[in-house]
Protein backbone atom coordinates (compact mmCIF):
# COMPACT_ATOMS: atom_id res chain seq x y z
CA MET A 1 76.32 145.59 74.63
CA PRO A 2 77.75 142.39 74.87
CA SER A 3 81.41 142.53 76.55
CA THR A 4 84.49 142.04 74.30
CA HIS A 5 87.15 141.72 76.63
CA ASN A 6 87.31 137.95 76.54
CA THR A 7 86.70 137.66 72.86
CA GLU A 8 89.42 136.53 70.36
CA LYS A 9 91.99 138.76 68.90
CA PRO A 10 93.79 136.79 65.96
CA TRP A 11 95.94 140.28 65.64
CA ASP A 12 96.83 140.43 68.99
CA THR A 13 100.45 138.10 69.27
CA GLU A 14 102.95 137.92 71.58
CA ASP A 15 105.63 139.14 69.83
CA ILE A 16 103.84 142.78 69.25
CA ASP A 17 105.42 145.09 71.21
CA LYS A 18 102.66 147.07 72.96
CA TRP A 19 104.41 150.38 74.14
CA LYS A 20 106.70 150.60 71.23
CA ILE A 21 106.18 154.43 69.96
CA GLU A 22 105.47 154.17 66.16
CA LYS A 23 107.29 156.64 64.10
CA PHE A 24 105.11 159.33 62.94
CA THR A 25 105.03 159.70 58.95
CA PRO A 26 103.67 162.13 56.41
CA GLU A 27 101.10 159.40 55.50
CA ASP A 28 99.81 159.34 58.89
CA ASN A 29 98.64 162.89 58.82
CA ALA A 30 95.32 162.40 57.52
CA GLY A 31 93.97 165.72 58.27
CA GLY A 32 96.40 167.53 56.09
CA THR A 33 97.83 171.01 56.67
CA PHE A 34 97.48 172.53 59.48
CA LEU A 35 94.80 175.43 60.03
CA GLU A 36 96.96 177.90 62.08
CA GLU A 37 100.49 178.95 62.24
CA SER A 38 102.23 177.78 65.60
CA SER A 39 105.70 179.77 66.69
CA PHE A 40 107.93 179.47 69.33
CA ALA A 41 110.79 181.61 70.34
CA THR A 42 113.37 182.29 72.92
CA LEU A 43 116.54 184.35 73.85
CA PHE A 44 119.99 183.56 74.10
CA PRO A 45 122.92 185.39 75.69
CA LYS A 46 125.21 187.40 74.14
CA TYR A 47 128.25 184.64 74.75
CA ARG A 48 126.26 182.33 72.32
CA GLU A 49 125.84 183.92 69.33
CA GLN A 50 129.06 183.38 67.60
CA TYR A 51 128.57 179.47 68.21
CA LEU A 52 125.22 179.75 67.26
CA ARG A 53 125.89 181.73 63.64
CA GLY A 54 128.28 178.84 63.14
CA ALA A 55 125.89 175.91 63.96
CA TRP A 56 122.72 177.31 62.29
CA PRO A 57 122.88 176.01 58.88
CA VAL A 58 123.03 172.47 60.57
CA ILE A 59 120.10 173.32 62.99
CA THR A 60 118.33 174.54 59.84
CA LYS A 61 118.71 171.18 57.31
CA ALA A 62 117.70 169.41 60.83
CA LEU A 63 114.62 170.78 61.37
CA GLU A 64 113.88 171.23 57.74
CA LYS A 65 113.39 167.18 57.47
CA TYR A 66 110.59 168.02 59.48
CA GLY A 67 108.80 170.97 57.70
CA ILE A 68 109.62 173.53 60.62
CA ALA A 69 110.87 176.74 59.98
CA CYS A 70 113.88 178.74 61.93
CA THR A 71 115.12 182.43 61.84
CA LEU A 72 118.18 183.50 64.23
CA ASP A 73 117.81 187.00 65.03
CA LEU A 74 121.51 188.45 66.14
CA VAL A 75 120.01 191.99 66.41
CA GLU A 76 117.46 191.00 68.89
CA GLY A 77 119.27 188.11 70.20
CA SER A 78 116.34 185.51 69.90
CA MET A 79 115.68 182.18 68.30
CA THR A 80 112.52 181.98 66.57
CA VAL A 81 110.59 178.36 65.17
CA LYS A 82 107.34 178.21 63.46
CA THR A 83 105.15 175.59 61.28
CA THR A 84 104.99 175.57 57.71
CA ARG A 85 103.00 174.06 55.00
CA LYS A 86 105.21 171.07 55.30
CA THR A 87 104.72 170.21 58.36
CA TYR A 88 103.11 167.13 59.05
CA ASP A 89 103.79 166.11 62.48
CA PRO A 90 102.07 168.03 65.08
CA ALA A 91 104.16 167.08 68.02
CA SER A 92 107.69 168.41 66.19
CA ILE A 93 107.02 172.11 66.59
CA LEU A 94 107.26 171.40 70.00
CA ASN A 95 110.23 169.13 70.07
CA ALA A 96 111.63 172.11 68.02
CA ARG A 97 110.93 174.58 71.01
CA ASP A 98 112.62 172.49 73.27
CA LEU A 99 115.62 172.23 70.76
CA ILE A 100 116.15 176.32 70.67
CA LYS A 101 115.66 176.40 74.63
CA LEU A 102 118.23 173.73 75.03
CA LEU A 103 120.70 175.70 72.48
CA ALA A 104 120.13 178.73 74.39
CA ARG A 105 121.44 176.75 78.03
CA SER A 106 124.80 175.88 76.06
CA VAL A 107 123.73 172.37 75.11
CA PRO A 108 125.86 171.62 72.02
CA ALA A 109 124.21 171.42 68.43
CA PRO A 110 124.82 167.87 67.62
CA GLN A 111 123.83 167.09 71.58
CA ALA A 112 120.46 169.31 71.11
CA LEU A 113 119.05 167.96 67.71
CA LYS A 114 118.80 164.57 69.76
CA ILE A 115 115.45 166.16 71.05
CA LEU A 116 113.80 165.85 67.99
CA GLU A 117 113.76 161.68 68.22
CA ASP A 118 110.18 160.89 69.75
CA ASP A 119 111.90 158.56 72.72
CA VAL A 120 114.21 162.02 74.01
CA ALA A 121 112.85 164.29 76.35
CA CYS A 122 114.72 167.41 77.92
CA ASP A 123 114.16 169.23 81.44
CA VAL A 124 115.78 172.63 82.46
CA ILE A 125 115.75 172.74 86.08
CA LYS A 126 116.17 175.93 88.01
CA ILE A 127 118.52 175.99 90.51
CA ARG A 128 119.25 179.44 91.89
CA ASN A 129 116.17 179.76 93.78
CA LEU A 130 116.51 177.05 95.26
CA VAL A 131 119.38 178.49 97.71
CA ARG A 132 119.34 182.38 98.84
CA ASN A 133 123.10 182.65 99.82
CA LYS A 134 125.45 183.00 96.98
CA GLU A 135 128.39 181.36 98.31
CA ARG A 136 126.11 178.23 99.51
CA PHE A 137 124.82 178.30 96.07
CA VAL A 138 128.24 177.67 94.56
CA LYS A 139 129.27 175.08 96.97
CA ARG A 140 126.22 173.03 96.31
CA ARG A 141 126.34 173.50 92.47
CA GLN A 142 129.72 172.08 92.43
CA ARG A 143 128.90 169.11 94.71
CA ILE A 144 126.68 168.15 91.53
CA LEU A 145 129.84 168.07 89.40
CA GLY A 146 132.28 166.58 91.67
CA PRO A 147 135.87 166.26 91.81
CA ASN A 148 136.94 166.63 87.72
CA GLY A 149 132.83 165.80 86.96
CA SER A 150 132.98 161.98 88.34
CA THR A 151 129.64 162.86 90.25
CA LEU A 152 128.14 164.23 86.94
CA LYS A 153 129.29 161.36 84.83
CA ALA A 154 128.07 158.72 87.50
CA LEU A 155 124.54 160.79 87.37
CA GLU A 156 124.84 160.55 83.82
CA LEU A 157 125.39 156.53 83.61
CA LEU A 158 123.04 155.77 86.04
CA THR A 159 119.92 157.94 84.84
CA GLU A 160 120.92 157.36 81.24
CA THR A 161 120.77 161.15 80.41
CA TYR A 162 122.91 164.06 79.50
CA ILE A 163 123.47 166.53 82.00
CA LEU A 164 124.82 170.55 81.57
CA VAL A 165 125.34 172.72 84.21
CA GLN A 166 125.12 176.18 83.06
CA GLY A 167 124.98 178.89 85.51
CA ASN A 168 121.92 179.13 87.04
CA THR A 169 120.07 176.06 85.28
CA VAL A 170 120.50 172.35 84.97
CA SER A 171 119.87 170.95 81.55
CA ALA A 172 119.25 167.43 81.34
CA MET A 173 118.30 165.19 77.96
CA GLY A 174 117.31 161.65 78.36
CA GLY A 175 113.94 159.39 78.90
CA TYR A 176 111.23 160.35 80.94
CA LYS A 177 112.21 158.10 84.08
CA GLY A 178 115.56 159.58 84.15
CA LEU A 179 114.40 163.18 84.27
CA LYS A 180 112.31 162.32 86.66
CA ALA A 181 114.79 160.77 89.01
CA LEU A 182 117.38 163.24 88.09
CA ARG A 183 115.21 166.00 89.00
CA ARG A 184 114.62 164.94 92.31
CA ILE A 185 118.56 164.15 92.84
CA ILE A 186 119.49 167.79 92.20
CA GLU A 187 116.05 169.24 94.00
CA ASP A 188 118.12 167.33 97.01
CA THR A 189 121.41 168.67 96.28
CA MET A 190 120.60 172.10 96.10
CA ALA A 191 118.39 171.57 99.65
CA ASN A 192 121.83 170.07 101.11
CA ILE A 193 121.60 166.34 100.93
CA HIS A 194 124.84 165.09 99.19
CA PRO A 195 123.87 163.33 95.86
CA ILE A 196 126.20 160.43 96.69
CA TYR A 197 123.33 158.98 98.59
CA ALA A 198 121.66 159.04 95.42
CA ILE A 199 124.25 157.57 93.27
CA LYS A 200 124.40 154.43 95.88
CA GLU A 201 120.66 154.03 95.83
CA LEU A 202 120.26 154.19 92.03
CA MET A 203 123.26 151.81 91.74
CA ILE A 204 121.55 149.22 94.13
CA ARG A 205 118.12 149.59 92.09
CA LYS A 206 120.22 148.65 88.85
CA GLU A 207 121.76 145.88 90.45
CA LEU A 208 118.10 144.39 91.62
CA ALA A 209 116.56 145.08 88.43
CA LYS A 210 118.94 142.42 86.63
CA ASP A 211 117.70 139.87 89.06
CA PRO A 212 114.65 137.76 87.64
CA GLU A 213 113.78 136.73 91.11
CA LEU A 214 113.44 139.99 92.58
CA VAL A 215 112.38 142.33 89.62
CA ASN A 216 108.52 142.02 90.54
CA GLU A 217 109.57 142.41 95.06
CA ASP A 218 109.61 145.45 96.94
CA TRP A 219 112.98 146.76 97.48
CA SER A 220 112.95 148.72 100.25
CA ARG A 221 114.75 146.24 102.37
CA PHE A 222 117.73 146.31 100.25
CA LEU A 223 117.61 150.10 100.09
CA PRO A 224 119.97 152.02 102.46
CA ASN A 225 118.18 154.21 104.58
CA PHE A 226 120.02 157.21 105.67
CA LYS A 227 118.74 159.18 108.77
CA LYS A 228 119.27 162.62 108.84
CA ARG A 229 121.40 163.76 111.99
CA THR A 230 120.75 166.98 113.25
CA LEU A 231 122.12 168.04 116.85
CA SER A 232 119.25 169.11 119.20
CA LYS A 233 118.11 172.98 118.79
CA ARG A 234 117.32 173.36 122.49
CA ARG A 235 117.96 176.62 123.72
CA ILE A 236 120.65 176.17 126.56
CA PRO A 237 119.71 178.13 129.99
CA HIS A 238 121.95 180.86 130.69
CA ASN A 239 124.35 179.41 133.60
CA VAL A 240 123.75 181.23 136.75
CA THR A 241 127.24 180.68 138.81
CA ASP A 242 126.22 183.17 141.89
CA LYS A 243 123.24 181.03 143.66
CA THR A 244 123.80 182.91 146.74
CA LYS A 245 120.31 184.84 147.74
CA LYS A 246 120.26 188.12 147.78
CA VAL A 247 118.28 190.10 149.81
CA TYR A 248 114.80 191.64 148.17
CA THR A 249 114.80 195.17 147.20
CA PRO A 250 111.90 196.76 145.60
CA PHE A 251 114.10 198.97 143.36
CA PRO A 252 115.47 198.46 139.84
CA PRO A 253 119.19 197.90 139.46
CA PRO A 254 121.22 201.31 139.40
CA GLN A 255 121.29 202.23 135.53
CA GLU A 256 124.87 201.17 133.88
CA LYS A 257 127.01 204.05 132.79
CA SER A 258 127.14 204.66 129.01
CA LYS A 259 129.77 205.57 126.68
CA VAL A 260 129.56 209.27 126.91
CA ASP A 261 129.36 209.41 131.13
CA LEU A 262 132.68 207.48 131.29
CA GLN A 263 134.01 209.98 129.23
CA ILE A 264 132.65 213.11 131.28
CA GLU A 265 134.02 211.32 134.35
CA SER A 266 137.24 210.59 132.88
CA GLY A 267 137.35 214.19 131.07
CA GLU A 268 138.18 213.20 127.57
CA TYR A 269 134.50 214.32 126.18
CA PHE A 270 135.62 217.76 127.09
CA LEU A 271 138.85 217.24 125.02
CA SER A 272 139.57 218.87 121.68
CA LYS A 273 140.00 216.38 118.19
CA GLN A 274 143.23 217.11 118.55
CA ALA A 275 144.35 216.00 122.27
CA ILE A 276 141.94 212.84 121.88
CA GLU A 277 144.37 211.94 119.08
CA ARG A 278 147.05 212.71 120.55
CA LYS A 279 146.19 210.80 123.70
CA THR A 280 145.31 207.44 121.48
CA ARG A 281 148.48 208.10 119.83
CA GLU A 282 150.37 208.20 123.62
CA GLU A 283 148.69 205.11 124.59
CA ARG A 284 149.70 203.28 121.62
CA VAL A 285 153.46 203.93 121.96
CA GLU A 286 152.96 202.88 125.28
CA LYS A 287 151.55 199.50 124.91
CA MET A 288 154.55 199.27 121.92
CA ARG A 289 157.43 200.20 124.73
CA GLU A 290 155.42 197.40 126.96
CA LYS A 291 155.48 195.01 124.35
CA GLN A 292 159.16 195.99 123.20
CA GLU A 293 160.06 195.84 126.85
CA GLU A 294 158.79 192.34 127.30
CA LYS A 295 160.31 190.60 124.18
CA ARG A 296 164.02 192.24 125.28
CA LYS A 297 163.35 190.32 128.71
CA GLU A 298 162.45 187.26 126.42
CA ARG A 299 165.84 187.71 124.54
CA LEU A 300 167.73 188.06 127.75
CA LEU A 301 166.51 184.91 128.79
CA GLU A 302 168.05 183.07 126.18
CA LEU A 303 171.36 184.81 126.46
CA VAL A 304 171.92 183.35 130.01
CA PRO A 305 174.94 181.26 129.95
CA PRO A 306 173.84 177.38 131.66
CA GLU A 307 176.00 176.20 133.98
CA GLU A 308 179.04 175.06 133.44
CA GLU A 309 180.33 171.24 134.09
CA LYS A 310 183.46 172.43 136.46
CA ALA A 311 181.12 173.80 138.99
CA LYS A 312 178.85 170.93 138.74
CA LYS A 313 182.25 168.77 139.02
CA ASP A 314 182.94 170.47 141.84
CA LYS A 315 179.58 170.15 144.16
CA LYS A 316 180.39 166.37 143.32
CA GLU A 317 183.51 166.41 144.58
CA LYS A 318 182.40 168.21 147.83
CA LYS A 319 179.76 165.99 148.35
CA LYS A 320 182.34 162.86 148.10
CA ARG A 321 184.57 164.47 150.67
CA LYS A 322 181.97 164.98 153.22
CA ARG A 323 180.77 161.44 152.77
CA GLU A 324 184.18 160.07 152.96
CA ASP A 325 185.18 162.57 156.06
CA GLY A 326 181.82 161.32 157.51
CA GLU A 327 182.63 157.89 157.20
CA GLY A 328 186.01 158.16 158.35
CA LYS A 329 185.07 159.91 161.66
CA GLU A 330 182.84 157.36 162.06
CA LYS A 331 185.42 154.65 161.93
CA LYS A 332 187.64 156.71 164.02
CA LYS A 333 185.04 156.20 166.63
CA LYS A 334 184.60 152.69 166.60
CA LYS A 335 188.46 152.31 167.10
CA LYS A 336 188.03 154.20 169.99
CA GLU A 337 185.59 152.36 171.53
CA VAL A 338 187.62 149.16 170.93
CA GLU A 339 190.34 150.54 172.58
CA ALA A 340 188.71 151.83 175.69
CA GLU A 341 187.09 148.33 176.18
CA ASP A 342 190.46 146.46 175.71
CA ASP A 343 191.82 148.66 178.85
CA ASP A 344 188.95 147.83 180.93
């Protein structure tokens, strides 16, 4: 068979967008009605009952356009969607299944109805089983939200998705590419990698995509490389302070006395329960007395009067007088020596 790869195709012009997904209409369904009925059901929590009851007429109206029937069972606490004879799009039942799943995870009805569009997908990420410790799980889940929801808003803008953190799951809606990036970020966050690193990387990628010169180039040189800094897990050996050579003995060291042995030696073991209580009470009282005595001494130290200024002045005057007396004696000696020389 000759190859038709390089043959001319007059219908294939440059203005045709090959990646565009055409809307599926009833005319495209050449097979007619479906052979079998498909249905999906999901349970919802008790606190969603009131909201779903109010929003159900809007949901029913939206699903009727695609020929999908839906029922809300408040007794059982479940939502069911199923195909009818009017259903023309085979993929619409899968979108309806995702719709009830999102409604059960507390996504508002106007937002959840966007899943019925062809270019919107959803992902419900289970995060509870990623972290064992409850306190650690709560802290890491809070990191996804950030202060006043700033981290969540940044992730929504950069991945072009809708994100809702509810309980043990993270519900997301948007394009496939954005959902794939978001799942990786959330799983990394629960593995103790802060989302700010991913946000920085996404911001750089967004700026590089705008540059026509760098669109088809490798971006690895521009992206930040965050190295994980971990402390050495090497076991620190026990410090032996006594390095003196001990005399070798084939006998093992004497066994340390147990608590019971010490009690027998002190005689406490043979005391009655009341006597033990009395002894502990006396020890407690003795300790309290000692502490009170220490505090009393500390208070008395504060009350010791400082040295008076008068005493200090007297000391200074005495020193001055002594100095003057010493100087006077020296002068007298010098005079006597001078007079003795004159007599000679």
